[in-house]
């Protein structure tokens, strides 16, 4: 996988939409903070969907996009609670198990939300699809992407203002790789059922005189 190309795509996309994505990122952070994290998962789903449309269609992100995936509120808040619980248990034992658990979760779930918003998959289907995409050969590419994503996000988390730039940069990077893996014909989504066959059209009755 050409990570240089994907990084360039993420960088150029961030700069191209720098004003809208900074406002979108700021709005998502404020909504998540003032809702005590309750709205964080579902607004992040809208955030990723908005940036995916920007990447694909050149559509300028809008703040209202954050609420475009409200149908996913319950499954995402439930999944977020389970993730938080698992990480709390991991960090309770030692720092290293917690870090490893965080990396493993990011590794396997990076494509979960895009699959839910882009392909309309349910939570379990999206988790399965994300894992299949993550472990697609060569699976070492996913390790590199995970490290890059966590590194970019960590830089932003260490400086309050920086996150307004690093969050969209990291998201565009994930979405650029997501787009490539969708185009890879060697990866069929096993959870996506095939389209039903089109029934034959019956012949018209002969005209009567």
N, C-alpha and C. Protein backbone atom coordinates (compact mmCIF):
# COMPACT_ATOMS: atom_id res chain seq x y z
N UNK A 1 0.83 -1.19 0.00
CA UNK A 1 0.00 0.00 0.00
C UNK A 1 0.88 1.25 0.00
N UNK A 2 0.49 2.21 -0.82
CA UNK A 2 1.27 3.43 -0.94
C UNK A 2 0.79 4.45 0.10
N UNK A 3 1.41 4.41 1.29
CA UNK A 3 0.99 5.31 2.36
C UNK A 3 1.37 6.75 2.07
N UNK A 4 2.43 6.93 1.27
CA UNK A 4 2.80 8.30 0.90
C UNK A 4 1.67 8.96 0.12
N UNK A 5 1.08 8.21 -0.80
CA UNK A 5 -0.04 8.74 -1.59
C UNK A 5 -1.24 9.04 -0.70
N UNK A 6 -1.54 8.13 0.23
CA UNK A 6 -2.69 8.33 1.12
C UNK A 6 -2.47 9.52 2.06
N UNK A 7 -1.25 9.67 2.54
CA UNK A 7 -0.95 10.82 3.39
C UNK A 7 -1.07 12.13 2.62
N UNK A 8 -0.62 12.11 1.37
CA UNK A 8 -0.75 13.30 0.53
C UNK A 8 -2.22 13.62 0.27
N UNK A 9 -3.03 12.57 0.03
CA UNK A 9 -4.47 12.78 -0.17
C UNK A 9 -5.11 13.37 1.07
N UNK A 10 -4.76 12.83 2.24
CA UNK A 10 -5.31 13.33 3.50
C UNK A 10 -4.88 14.78 3.74
N UNK A 11 -3.62 15.07 3.47
CA UNK A 11 -3.09 16.43 3.67
C UNK A 11 -3.78 17.43 2.74
N UNK A 12 -3.87 17.08 1.45
CA UNK A 12 -4.48 17.99 0.48
C UNK A 12 -5.97 18.19 0.77
N UNK A 13 -6.66 17.13 1.17
CA UNK A 13 -8.08 17.24 1.48
C UNK A 13 -8.31 18.12 2.70
N UNK A 14 -7.44 17.98 3.70
CA UNK A 14 -7.56 18.81 4.90
C UNK A 14 -7.35 20.28 4.57
N UNK A 15 -6.33 20.56 3.75
CA UNK A 15 -6.06 21.95 3.37
C UNK A 15 -7.16 22.51 2.48
N UNK A 16 -7.69 21.68 1.59
CA UNK A 16 -8.73 22.12 0.68
C UNK A 16 -9.98 22.57 1.42
N UNK A 17 -10.32 21.84 2.48
CA UNK A 17 -11.53 22.15 3.25
C UNK A 17 -11.19 22.66 4.64
N UNK A 18 -10.04 23.34 4.78
CA UNK A 18 -9.53 23.68 6.10
C UNK A 18 -10.53 24.46 6.94
N UNK A 19 -11.21 25.45 6.36
CA UNK A 19 -12.18 26.22 7.14
C UNK A 19 -13.35 25.37 7.62
N UNK A 20 -14.07 24.71 6.70
CA UNK A 20 -15.20 23.88 7.12
C UNK A 20 -14.83 22.73 8.06
N UNK A 21 -13.67 22.07 7.82
CA UNK A 21 -13.35 20.94 8.68
C UNK A 21 -12.91 21.39 10.07
N UNK A 22 -12.29 22.55 10.18
CA UNK A 22 -11.95 23.07 11.51
C UNK A 22 -13.21 23.39 12.29
N UNK A 23 -14.18 24.04 11.63
CA UNK A 23 -15.45 24.33 12.29
C UNK A 23 -16.19 23.05 12.65
N UNK A 24 -16.16 22.08 11.74
CA UNK A 24 -16.84 20.80 11.99
C UNK A 24 -16.21 20.07 13.16
N UNK A 25 -14.88 20.06 13.21
CA UNK A 25 -14.17 19.39 14.30
C UNK A 25 -14.43 20.09 15.63
N UNK A 26 -14.40 21.42 15.62
CA UNK A 26 -14.67 22.18 16.84
C UNK A 26 -16.09 21.92 17.34
N UNK A 27 -17.06 21.91 16.41
CA UNK A 27 -18.45 21.65 16.80
C UNK A 27 -18.60 20.25 17.37
N UNK A 28 -17.95 19.28 16.76
CA UNK A 28 -18.06 17.90 17.25
C UNK A 28 -17.46 17.77 18.65
N UNK A 29 -16.34 18.44 18.89
CA UNK A 29 -15.71 18.40 20.21
C UNK A 29 -16.57 19.08 21.27
N UNK A 30 -17.16 20.22 20.91
CA UNK A 30 -18.01 20.94 21.87
C UNK A 30 -19.27 20.15 22.19
N UNK A 31 -19.89 19.59 21.17
CA UNK A 31 -21.11 18.79 21.40
C UNK A 31 -20.79 17.58 22.27
N UNK A 32 -19.68 16.93 21.99
CA UNK A 32 -19.28 15.76 22.79
C UNK A 32 -19.01 16.15 24.23
N UNK A 33 -18.35 17.30 24.43
CA UNK A 33 -18.00 17.74 25.78
C UNK A 33 -19.24 18.12 26.58
N UNK A 34 -20.11 18.94 25.99
CA UNK A 34 -21.27 19.43 26.72
C UNK A 34 -22.35 18.36 26.89
N UNK A 35 -22.29 17.31 26.10
CA UNK A 35 -23.24 16.20 26.28
C UNK A 35 -22.64 15.11 27.17
N UNK A 36 -21.48 15.40 27.77
CA UNK A 36 -20.77 14.45 28.64
C UNK A 36 -20.42 13.16 27.89
N UNK A 37 -20.16 13.28 26.61
CA UNK A 37 -19.76 12.13 25.81
C UNK A 37 -20.89 11.34 25.21
N UNK A 38 -22.13 11.66 25.59
CA UNK A 38 -23.27 10.87 25.11
C UNK A 38 -23.44 11.00 23.60
N UNK A 39 -23.21 12.21 23.08
CA UNK A 39 -23.38 12.44 21.65
C UNK A 39 -22.11 12.20 20.84
N UNK A 40 -21.02 11.85 21.52
CA UNK A 40 -19.74 11.69 20.82
C UNK A 40 -19.77 10.62 19.73
N UNK A 41 -20.26 9.40 20.01
CA UNK A 41 -20.20 8.36 18.96
C UNK A 41 -21.03 8.71 17.74
N UNK A 42 -22.26 9.17 17.94
CA UNK A 42 -23.14 9.41 16.79
C UNK A 42 -22.71 10.64 16.00
N UNK A 43 -22.19 11.66 16.67
CA UNK A 43 -21.70 12.82 15.92
C UNK A 43 -20.39 12.50 15.20
N UNK A 44 -19.60 11.59 15.75
CA UNK A 44 -18.40 11.16 15.04
C UNK A 44 -18.77 10.38 13.78
N UNK A 45 -19.88 9.64 13.85
CA UNK A 45 -20.36 8.94 12.66
C UNK A 45 -20.74 9.94 11.58
N UNK A 46 -21.46 11.00 11.96
CA UNK A 46 -21.80 12.05 11.01
C UNK A 46 -20.57 12.77 10.50
N UNK A 47 -19.59 12.94 11.37
CA UNK A 47 -18.32 13.59 11.02
C UNK A 47 -17.60 12.80 9.93
N UNK A 48 -17.50 11.49 10.12
CA UNK A 48 -16.79 10.65 9.16
C UNK A 48 -17.55 10.58 7.84
N UNK A 49 -18.88 10.55 7.92
CA UNK A 49 -19.68 10.53 6.69
C UNK A 49 -19.49 11.83 5.90
N UNK A 50 -19.43 12.94 6.61
CA UNK A 50 -19.24 14.24 5.97
C UNK A 50 -17.89 14.31 5.27
N UNK A 51 -16.84 13.83 5.93
CA UNK A 51 -15.50 13.86 5.33
C UNK A 51 -15.37 12.86 4.18
N UNK A 52 -16.11 11.75 4.26
CA UNK A 52 -16.09 10.80 3.15
C UNK A 52 -16.72 11.42 1.90
N UNK A 53 -17.81 12.16 2.07
CA UNK A 53 -18.43 12.84 0.93
C UNK A 53 -17.51 13.93 0.38
N UNK A 54 -16.78 14.59 1.26
CA UNK A 54 -15.82 15.60 0.81
C UNK A 54 -14.71 14.95 -0.02
N UNK A 55 -14.26 13.78 0.43
CA UNK A 55 -13.19 13.07 -0.27
C UNK A 55 -13.67 12.54 -1.62
N UNK A 56 -14.88 12.03 -1.64
CA UNK A 56 -15.40 11.41 -2.87
C UNK A 56 -15.93 12.43 -3.87
N UNK A 57 -16.71 13.37 -3.37
CA UNK A 57 -17.47 14.24 -4.26
C UNK A 57 -17.00 15.69 -4.24
N UNK A 58 -16.06 16.02 -3.35
CA UNK A 58 -15.65 17.41 -3.22
C UNK A 58 -16.72 18.26 -2.55
N UNK A 59 -17.61 17.61 -1.79
CA UNK A 59 -18.70 18.31 -1.11
C UNK A 59 -18.17 18.97 0.16
N UNK A 60 -18.45 20.23 0.35
CA UNK A 60 -17.95 20.96 1.52
C UNK A 60 -18.67 20.50 2.79
N UNK A 61 -17.92 20.09 3.82
CA UNK A 61 -18.54 19.66 5.07
C UNK A 61 -19.35 20.77 5.73
N UNK A 62 -20.47 20.38 6.36
CA UNK A 62 -21.33 21.33 7.06
C UNK A 62 -21.59 20.82 8.47
N UNK A 63 -21.81 21.74 9.39
CA UNK A 63 -22.01 21.36 10.79
C UNK A 63 -23.24 20.48 10.97
N UNK A 64 -24.27 20.71 10.17
CA UNK A 64 -25.48 19.89 10.28
C UNK A 64 -25.19 18.42 9.96
N UNK A 65 -24.09 18.14 9.27
CA UNK A 65 -23.75 16.76 8.94
C UNK A 65 -23.52 15.93 10.20
N UNK A 66 -23.13 16.57 11.30
CA UNK A 66 -22.87 15.84 12.54
C UNK A 66 -24.10 15.08 13.02
N UNK A 67 -25.28 15.53 12.63
CA UNK A 67 -26.52 14.90 13.10
C UNK A 67 -27.18 14.06 12.01
N UNK A 68 -26.42 13.75 10.96
CA UNK A 68 -27.01 13.04 9.82
C UNK A 68 -27.14 11.54 10.05
N UNK A 69 -26.52 11.02 11.11
CA UNK A 69 -26.57 9.58 11.37
C UNK A 69 -27.20 9.26 12.72
N UNK A 70 -28.23 10.01 13.10
CA UNK A 70 -28.85 9.82 14.41
C UNK A 70 -29.49 8.44 14.57
N UNK A 71 -29.79 7.77 13.46
CA UNK A 71 -30.35 6.41 13.53
C UNK A 71 -29.38 5.43 14.19
N UNK A 72 -28.10 5.80 14.24
CA UNK A 72 -27.08 4.92 14.81
C UNK A 72 -26.80 5.24 16.29
N UNK A 73 -27.62 6.11 16.88
CA UNK A 73 -27.34 6.56 18.25
C UNK A 73 -27.25 5.38 19.23
N UNK A 74 -28.26 4.53 19.27
CA UNK A 74 -28.30 3.45 20.26
C UNK A 74 -27.19 2.41 20.04
N UNK A 75 -27.01 1.88 18.82
CA UNK A 75 -25.92 0.90 18.67
C UNK A 75 -24.54 1.48 18.96
N UNK A 76 -24.30 2.73 18.57
CA UNK A 76 -22.98 3.31 18.79
C UNK A 76 -22.74 3.66 20.25
N UNK A 77 -23.77 4.14 20.95
CA UNK A 77 -23.57 4.46 22.36
C UNK A 77 -23.37 3.19 23.17
N UNK A 78 -24.05 2.10 22.77
CA UNK A 78 -23.85 0.82 23.43
C UNK A 78 -22.47 0.27 23.19
N UNK A 79 -22.00 0.35 21.94
CA UNK A 79 -20.66 -0.13 21.62
C UNK A 79 -19.61 0.72 22.32
N UNK A 80 -19.82 2.03 22.36
CA UNK A 80 -18.88 2.91 23.04
C UNK A 80 -18.76 2.60 24.52
N UNK A 81 -19.89 2.25 25.15
CA UNK A 81 -19.86 1.90 26.58
C UNK A 81 -19.05 0.62 26.80
N UNK A 82 -19.26 -0.36 25.93
CA UNK A 82 -18.52 -1.62 26.06
C UNK A 82 -17.02 -1.40 25.85
N UNK A 83 -16.67 -0.55 24.89
CA UNK A 83 -15.25 -0.25 24.64
C UNK A 83 -14.64 0.45 25.85
N UNK A 84 -15.36 1.43 26.40
CA UNK A 84 -14.86 2.16 27.57
C UNK A 84 -14.66 1.20 28.74
N UNK A 85 -15.61 0.28 28.93
CA UNK A 85 -15.49 -0.68 30.02
C UNK A 85 -14.28 -1.59 29.83
N UNK A 86 -14.08 -2.05 28.59
CA UNK A 86 -12.95 -2.94 28.31
C UNK A 86 -11.62 -2.21 28.54
N UNK A 87 -11.54 -0.95 28.12
CA UNK A 87 -10.31 -0.20 28.30
C UNK A 87 -10.04 0.10 29.78
N UNK A 88 -11.10 0.37 30.53
CA UNK A 88 -10.93 0.61 31.97
C UNK A 88 -10.37 -0.64 32.65
N UNK A 89 -10.88 -1.80 32.25
CA UNK A 89 -10.38 -3.05 32.83
C UNK A 89 -8.92 -3.25 32.43
N UNK A 90 -8.60 -2.98 31.15
CA UNK A 90 -7.23 -3.14 30.68
C UNK A 90 -6.26 -2.24 31.42
N UNK A 91 -6.62 -0.98 31.60
CA UNK A 91 -5.72 -0.03 32.28
C UNK A 91 -5.70 -0.25 33.79
N UNK A 92 -6.70 -0.95 34.32
CA UNK A 92 -6.71 -1.24 35.76
C UNK A 92 -5.57 -2.19 36.12
N UNK A 93 -5.30 -3.14 35.24
CA UNK A 93 -4.24 -4.10 35.51
C UNK A 93 -2.87 -3.44 35.39
N UNK A 94 -2.56 -2.96 34.20
CA UNK A 94 -1.28 -2.28 33.96
C UNK A 94 -1.45 -1.34 32.78
N UNK A 95 -0.52 -0.41 32.63
CA UNK A 95 -0.58 0.54 31.51
C UNK A 95 -0.41 -0.19 30.18
N UNK A 96 0.54 -1.13 30.13
CA UNK A 96 0.83 -1.82 28.86
C UNK A 96 -0.36 -2.60 28.32
N UNK A 97 -1.06 -3.41 29.15
CA UNK A 97 -2.25 -4.09 28.62
C UNK A 97 -3.31 -3.13 28.10
N UNK A 98 -3.44 -2.00 28.76
CA UNK A 98 -4.41 -1.01 28.30
C UNK A 98 -4.03 -0.42 26.95
N UNK A 99 -2.74 -0.14 26.77
CA UNK A 99 -2.27 0.41 25.49
C UNK A 99 -2.44 -0.63 24.38
N UNK A 100 -2.09 -1.88 24.68
CA UNK A 100 -2.24 -2.94 23.69
C UNK A 100 -3.70 -3.16 23.31
N UNK A 101 -4.58 -3.08 24.30
CA UNK A 101 -6.00 -3.25 24.03
C UNK A 101 -6.53 -2.10 23.18
N UNK A 102 -6.05 -0.88 23.45
CA UNK A 102 -6.45 0.28 22.64
C UNK A 102 -6.01 0.10 21.20
N UNK A 103 -4.76 -0.32 21.00
CA UNK A 103 -4.23 -0.53 19.65
C UNK A 103 -5.01 -1.62 18.93
N UNK A 104 -5.36 -2.70 19.65
CA UNK A 104 -6.10 -3.80 19.02
C UNK A 104 -7.49 -3.35 18.60
N UNK A 105 -8.14 -2.54 19.43
CA UNK A 105 -9.47 -2.04 19.09
C UNK A 105 -9.42 -1.13 17.86
N UNK A 106 -8.42 -0.24 17.83
CA UNK A 106 -8.29 0.65 16.68
C UNK A 106 -7.99 -0.17 15.43
N UNK A 107 -7.12 -1.16 15.55
CA UNK A 107 -6.74 -2.01 14.42
C UNK A 107 -7.98 -2.66 13.79
N UNK A 108 -8.86 -3.19 14.62
CA UNK A 108 -9.98 -3.96 14.10
C UNK A 108 -11.24 -3.17 13.79
N UNK A 109 -11.34 -1.94 14.29
CA UNK A 109 -12.61 -1.21 14.15
C UNK A 109 -12.49 0.08 13.34
N UNK A 110 -11.35 0.33 12.71
CA UNK A 110 -11.17 1.60 11.99
C UNK A 110 -12.22 1.81 10.90
N UNK A 111 -12.68 0.72 10.29
CA UNK A 111 -13.63 0.84 9.17
C UNK A 111 -15.07 0.59 9.60
N UNK A 112 -15.30 0.36 10.87
CA UNK A 112 -16.65 0.02 11.34
C UNK A 112 -17.65 1.14 11.07
N UNK A 113 -17.33 2.35 11.49
CA UNK A 113 -18.26 3.47 11.32
C UNK A 113 -18.46 3.81 9.84
N UNK A 114 -17.38 3.88 9.02
CA UNK A 114 -17.62 4.11 7.60
C UNK A 114 -18.53 3.06 6.95
N UNK A 115 -18.39 1.80 7.35
CA UNK A 115 -19.24 0.76 6.80
C UNK A 115 -20.69 0.93 7.23
N UNK A 116 -20.91 1.40 8.45
CA UNK A 116 -22.27 1.62 8.94
C UNK A 116 -22.93 2.80 8.23
N UNK A 117 -22.17 3.86 8.00
CA UNK A 117 -22.74 5.06 7.39
C UNK A 117 -22.75 5.00 5.87
N UNK A 118 -21.74 4.35 5.30
CA UNK A 118 -21.61 4.32 3.84
C UNK A 118 -22.36 3.15 3.22
N UNK A 119 -22.31 1.99 3.87
CA UNK A 119 -22.93 0.79 3.31
C UNK A 119 -24.21 0.38 4.02
N UNK A 120 -24.57 1.10 5.09
CA UNK A 120 -25.80 0.81 5.79
C UNK A 120 -25.78 -0.50 6.55
N UNK A 121 -24.59 -0.97 6.97
CA UNK A 121 -24.50 -2.22 7.71
C UNK A 121 -24.87 -2.02 9.16
N UNK A 122 -25.38 -3.09 9.78
CA UNK A 122 -25.62 -3.07 11.21
C UNK A 122 -24.32 -3.17 11.98
N UNK A 123 -24.41 -3.02 13.30
CA UNK A 123 -23.20 -2.98 14.13
C UNK A 123 -22.36 -4.24 13.98
N UNK A 124 -22.97 -5.41 14.14
CA UNK A 124 -22.22 -6.65 14.08
C UNK A 124 -21.68 -6.90 12.68
N UNK A 125 -22.48 -6.60 11.67
CA UNK A 125 -22.02 -6.75 10.28
C UNK A 125 -20.83 -5.83 10.00
N UNK A 126 -20.93 -4.59 10.50
CA UNK A 126 -19.85 -3.63 10.28
C UNK A 126 -18.58 -4.04 11.02
N UNK A 127 -18.73 -4.59 12.22
CA UNK A 127 -17.56 -5.08 12.96
C UNK A 127 -16.87 -6.21 12.20
N UNK A 128 -17.68 -7.13 11.68
CA UNK A 128 -17.12 -8.24 10.92
C UNK A 128 -16.45 -7.73 9.64
N UNK A 129 -17.13 -6.82 8.94
CA UNK A 129 -16.57 -6.26 7.72
C UNK A 129 -15.29 -5.49 7.98
N UNK A 130 -15.25 -4.73 9.08
CA UNK A 130 -14.06 -3.96 9.42
C UNK A 130 -12.89 -4.89 9.71
N UNK A 131 -13.17 -5.98 10.41
CA UNK A 131 -12.09 -6.93 10.72
C UNK A 131 -11.57 -7.59 9.44
N UNK A 132 -12.47 -7.92 8.52
CA UNK A 132 -12.05 -8.51 7.25
C UNK A 132 -11.18 -7.53 6.45
N UNK A 133 -11.57 -6.26 6.46
CA UNK A 133 -10.77 -5.26 5.76
C UNK A 133 -9.42 -5.07 6.44
N UNK A 134 -9.41 -5.10 7.76
CA UNK A 134 -8.17 -4.89 8.51
C UNK A 134 -7.18 -6.02 8.30
N UNK A 135 -7.68 -7.24 8.17
CA UNK A 135 -6.80 -8.41 8.06
C UNK A 135 -6.58 -8.81 6.61
N UNK A 136 -7.02 -7.99 5.68
CA UNK A 136 -6.76 -8.25 4.26
C UNK A 136 -5.25 -8.22 4.02
N UNK A 137 -4.75 -9.17 3.27
CA UNK A 137 -3.31 -9.23 2.99
C UNK A 137 -2.87 -8.04 2.13
N UNK A 138 -1.70 -7.47 2.42
CA UNK A 138 -0.85 -7.76 3.58
C UNK A 138 -1.38 -7.05 4.83
N UNK A 139 -1.66 -7.81 5.87
CA UNK A 139 -2.28 -7.25 7.07
C UNK A 139 -1.32 -6.31 7.82
N UNK A 140 -0.03 -6.37 7.48
CA UNK A 140 0.92 -5.45 8.10
C UNK A 140 0.61 -3.99 7.71
N UNK A 141 -0.05 -3.80 6.57
CA UNK A 141 -0.44 -2.44 6.18
C UNK A 141 -1.39 -1.84 7.22
N UNK A 142 -2.24 -2.68 7.78
CA UNK A 142 -3.18 -2.19 8.78
C UNK A 142 -2.47 -1.78 10.07
N UNK A 143 -1.40 -2.49 10.40
CA UNK A 143 -0.60 -2.12 11.57
C UNK A 143 0.01 -0.73 11.36
N UNK A 144 0.54 -0.51 10.15
CA UNK A 144 1.14 0.80 9.83
C UNK A 144 0.08 1.89 9.92
N UNK A 145 -1.11 1.63 9.35
CA UNK A 145 -2.19 2.61 9.41
C UNK A 145 -2.61 2.90 10.85
N UNK A 146 -2.69 1.86 11.66
CA UNK A 146 -3.06 2.02 13.07
C UNK A 146 -2.06 2.90 13.80
N UNK A 147 -0.76 2.64 13.56
CA UNK A 147 0.30 3.44 14.20
C UNK A 147 0.23 4.89 13.74
N UNK A 148 0.05 5.10 12.43
CA UNK A 148 -0.04 6.46 11.90
C UNK A 148 -1.24 7.20 12.49
N UNK A 149 -2.38 6.52 12.51
CA UNK A 149 -3.60 7.14 13.04
C UNK A 149 -3.43 7.54 14.50
N UNK A 150 -2.94 6.60 15.32
CA UNK A 150 -2.76 6.89 16.74
C UNK A 150 -1.72 7.98 16.97
N UNK A 151 -0.68 8.00 16.15
CA UNK A 151 0.37 9.02 16.29
C UNK A 151 -0.19 10.41 15.98
N UNK A 152 -0.95 10.51 14.88
CA UNK A 152 -1.51 11.82 14.50
C UNK A 152 -2.51 12.30 15.55
N UNK A 153 -3.38 11.40 16.00
CA UNK A 153 -4.38 11.78 17.00
C UNK A 153 -3.71 12.15 18.32
N UNK A 154 -2.64 11.42 18.68
CA UNK A 154 -1.94 11.71 19.95
C UNK A 154 -1.31 13.08 19.93
N UNK A 155 -0.75 13.48 18.79
CA UNK A 155 -0.16 14.82 18.68
C UNK A 155 -1.24 15.88 18.91
N UNK A 156 -2.41 15.66 18.32
CA UNK A 156 -3.51 16.61 18.50
C UNK A 156 -4.01 16.64 19.93
N UNK A 157 -4.06 15.47 20.57
CA UNK A 157 -4.57 15.40 21.95
C UNK A 157 -3.65 16.11 22.93
N UNK A 158 -2.38 16.21 22.58
CA UNK A 158 -1.42 16.86 23.49
C UNK A 158 -1.50 18.38 23.42
N UNK A 159 -2.10 18.90 22.36
CA UNK A 159 -2.24 20.36 22.21
C UNK A 159 -3.66 20.65 21.75
N UNK A 160 -4.39 21.43 22.53
CA UNK A 160 -5.81 21.64 22.31
C UNK A 160 -6.12 22.18 20.92
N UNK A 161 -5.35 23.16 20.47
CA UNK A 161 -5.62 23.77 19.18
C UNK A 161 -5.26 22.83 18.04
N UNK A 162 -4.21 22.04 18.22
CA UNK A 162 -3.72 21.16 17.16
C UNK A 162 -4.75 20.12 16.75
N UNK A 163 -5.59 19.70 17.67
CA UNK A 163 -6.56 18.65 17.36
C UNK A 163 -7.54 19.09 16.28
N UNK A 164 -7.74 20.40 16.14
CA UNK A 164 -8.65 20.89 15.10
C UNK A 164 -8.10 20.60 13.70
N UNK A 165 -6.81 20.37 13.62
CA UNK A 165 -6.18 20.03 12.33
C UNK A 165 -5.85 18.54 12.24
N UNK A 166 -5.36 17.96 13.34
CA UNK A 166 -4.92 16.56 13.29
C UNK A 166 -6.09 15.59 13.20
N UNK A 167 -7.25 15.93 13.81
CA UNK A 167 -8.39 15.01 13.74
C UNK A 167 -8.90 14.82 12.31
N UNK A 168 -9.15 15.91 11.55
CA UNK A 168 -9.55 15.69 10.15
C UNK A 168 -8.45 15.04 9.32
N UNK A 169 -7.18 15.36 9.60
CA UNK A 169 -6.07 14.75 8.86
C UNK A 169 -6.08 13.23 9.06
N UNK A 170 -6.21 12.80 10.31
CA UNK A 170 -6.23 11.37 10.62
C UNK A 170 -7.46 10.70 10.02
N UNK A 171 -8.60 11.39 10.05
CA UNK A 171 -9.83 10.82 9.51
C UNK A 171 -9.76 10.69 8.00
N UNK A 172 -9.26 11.71 7.32
CA UNK A 172 -9.09 11.63 5.87
C UNK A 172 -8.14 10.49 5.50
N UNK A 173 -7.11 10.26 6.30
CA UNK A 173 -6.17 9.17 6.03
C UNK A 173 -6.88 7.82 6.08
N UNK A 174 -7.66 7.61 7.13
CA UNK A 174 -8.41 6.35 7.27
C UNK A 174 -9.38 6.17 6.11
N UNK A 175 -10.07 7.24 5.75
CA UNK A 175 -11.06 7.15 4.68
C UNK A 175 -10.41 6.92 3.32
N UNK A 176 -9.21 7.45 3.10
CA UNK A 176 -8.50 7.21 1.85
C UNK A 176 -8.14 5.73 1.72
N UNK A 177 -7.69 5.13 2.81
CA UNK A 177 -7.38 3.70 2.80
C UNK A 177 -8.67 2.88 2.65
N UNK A 178 -9.72 3.31 3.33
CA UNK A 178 -11.04 2.65 3.22
C UNK A 178 -11.50 2.60 1.77
N UNK A 179 -11.36 3.71 1.06
CA UNK A 179 -11.76 3.78 -0.34
C UNK A 179 -10.96 2.79 -1.18
N UNK A 180 -9.65 2.71 -0.93
CA UNK A 180 -8.82 1.79 -1.71
C UNK A 180 -9.23 0.35 -1.46
N UNK A 181 -9.50 0.02 -0.20
CA UNK A 181 -9.84 -1.37 0.12
C UNK A 181 -11.22 -1.74 -0.41
N UNK A 182 -12.11 -0.78 -0.52
CA UNK A 182 -13.40 -1.06 -1.14
C UNK A 182 -13.23 -1.37 -2.62
N UNK A 183 -12.28 -0.70 -3.24
CA UNK A 183 -12.05 -0.91 -4.68
C UNK A 183 -11.31 -2.21 -4.97
N UNK A 184 -10.74 -2.80 -3.94
CA UNK A 184 -9.98 -4.03 -4.12
C UNK A 184 -10.95 -5.18 -4.36
N UNK A 185 -10.91 -5.73 -5.55
CA UNK A 185 -11.86 -6.78 -5.91
C UNK A 185 -11.64 -8.07 -5.15
N UNK A 186 -10.49 -8.18 -4.49
CA UNK A 186 -10.22 -9.38 -3.71
C UNK A 186 -10.92 -9.32 -2.36
N UNK A 187 -11.60 -8.25 -2.05
CA UNK A 187 -12.27 -8.14 -0.75
C UNK A 187 -13.77 -7.98 -0.95
N UNK A 188 -14.52 -9.10 -0.95
CA UNK A 188 -15.97 -8.97 -0.95
C UNK A 188 -16.47 -8.89 0.48
N UNK A 189 -17.44 -8.04 0.74
CA UNK A 189 -18.03 -7.98 2.07
C UNK A 189 -18.93 -9.19 2.24
N UNK A 190 -18.47 -10.16 3.03
CA UNK A 190 -19.24 -11.38 3.18
C UNK A 190 -20.58 -11.13 3.84
N UNK A 191 -20.69 -10.02 4.59
CA UNK A 191 -21.93 -9.74 5.29
C UNK A 191 -22.96 -9.07 4.40
N UNK A 192 -22.54 -8.58 3.26
CA UNK A 192 -23.47 -7.89 2.38
C UNK A 192 -24.15 -8.90 1.46
N UNK A 193 -25.47 -9.09 1.57
CA UNK A 193 -26.13 -10.09 0.74
C UNK A 193 -26.15 -9.66 -0.71
N UNK A 194 -26.11 -10.65 -1.64
CA UNK A 194 -26.16 -10.29 -3.05
C UNK A 194 -27.52 -9.73 -3.41
N UNK A 195 -27.53 -8.90 -4.44
CA UNK A 195 -28.79 -8.32 -4.88
C UNK A 195 -29.70 -9.40 -5.43
N UNK A 196 -31.01 -9.36 -5.11
CA UNK A 196 -31.92 -10.39 -5.62
C UNK A 196 -32.03 -10.32 -7.12
N UNK A 197 -32.23 -11.49 -7.76
CA UNK A 197 -32.34 -11.47 -9.23
C UNK A 197 -33.59 -10.73 -9.68
N UNK A 198 -33.48 -10.10 -10.82
CA UNK A 198 -34.62 -9.38 -11.36
C UNK A 198 -35.58 -10.39 -11.99
N UNK A 199 -36.87 -10.42 -11.57
CA UNK A 199 -37.81 -11.40 -12.14
C UNK A 199 -38.04 -11.12 -13.61
N UNK A 200 -38.21 -12.20 -14.40
CA UNK A 200 -38.45 -12.00 -15.84
C UNK A 200 -39.76 -11.31 -16.09
N UNK A 201 -39.77 -10.48 -17.09
CA UNK A 201 -40.99 -9.78 -17.46
C UNK A 201 -41.86 -10.70 -18.29
N UNK A 202 -43.13 -10.97 -17.88
CA UNK A 202 -43.98 -11.87 -18.66
C UNK A 202 -44.30 -11.26 -20.01
N UNK A 203 -44.43 -12.11 -21.04
CA UNK A 203 -44.74 -11.56 -22.37
C UNK A 203 -46.13 -10.96 -22.41
N UNK A 204 -46.27 -9.91 -23.17
CA UNK A 204 -47.56 -9.25 -23.30
C UNK A 204 -48.52 -10.15 -24.07
N UNK A 205 -49.83 -10.18 -23.66
CA UNK A 205 -50.80 -10.99 -24.40
C UNK A 205 -51.00 -10.44 -25.80
N UNK A 206 -51.28 -11.33 -26.75
CA UNK A 206 -51.50 -10.83 -28.13
C UNK A 206 -52.71 -9.92 -28.21
N UNK A 207 -52.59 -8.88 -28.99
CA UNK A 207 -53.70 -7.93 -29.14
C UNK A 207 -54.87 -8.61 -29.84
N UNK A 208 -56.08 -8.29 -29.37
CA UNK A 208 -57.31 -8.85 -29.97
C UNK A 208 -57.94 -7.82 -30.85
N UNK A 209 -58.54 -8.26 -31.88
CA UNK A 209 -59.21 -7.35 -32.83
C UNK A 209 -60.70 -7.48 -32.66
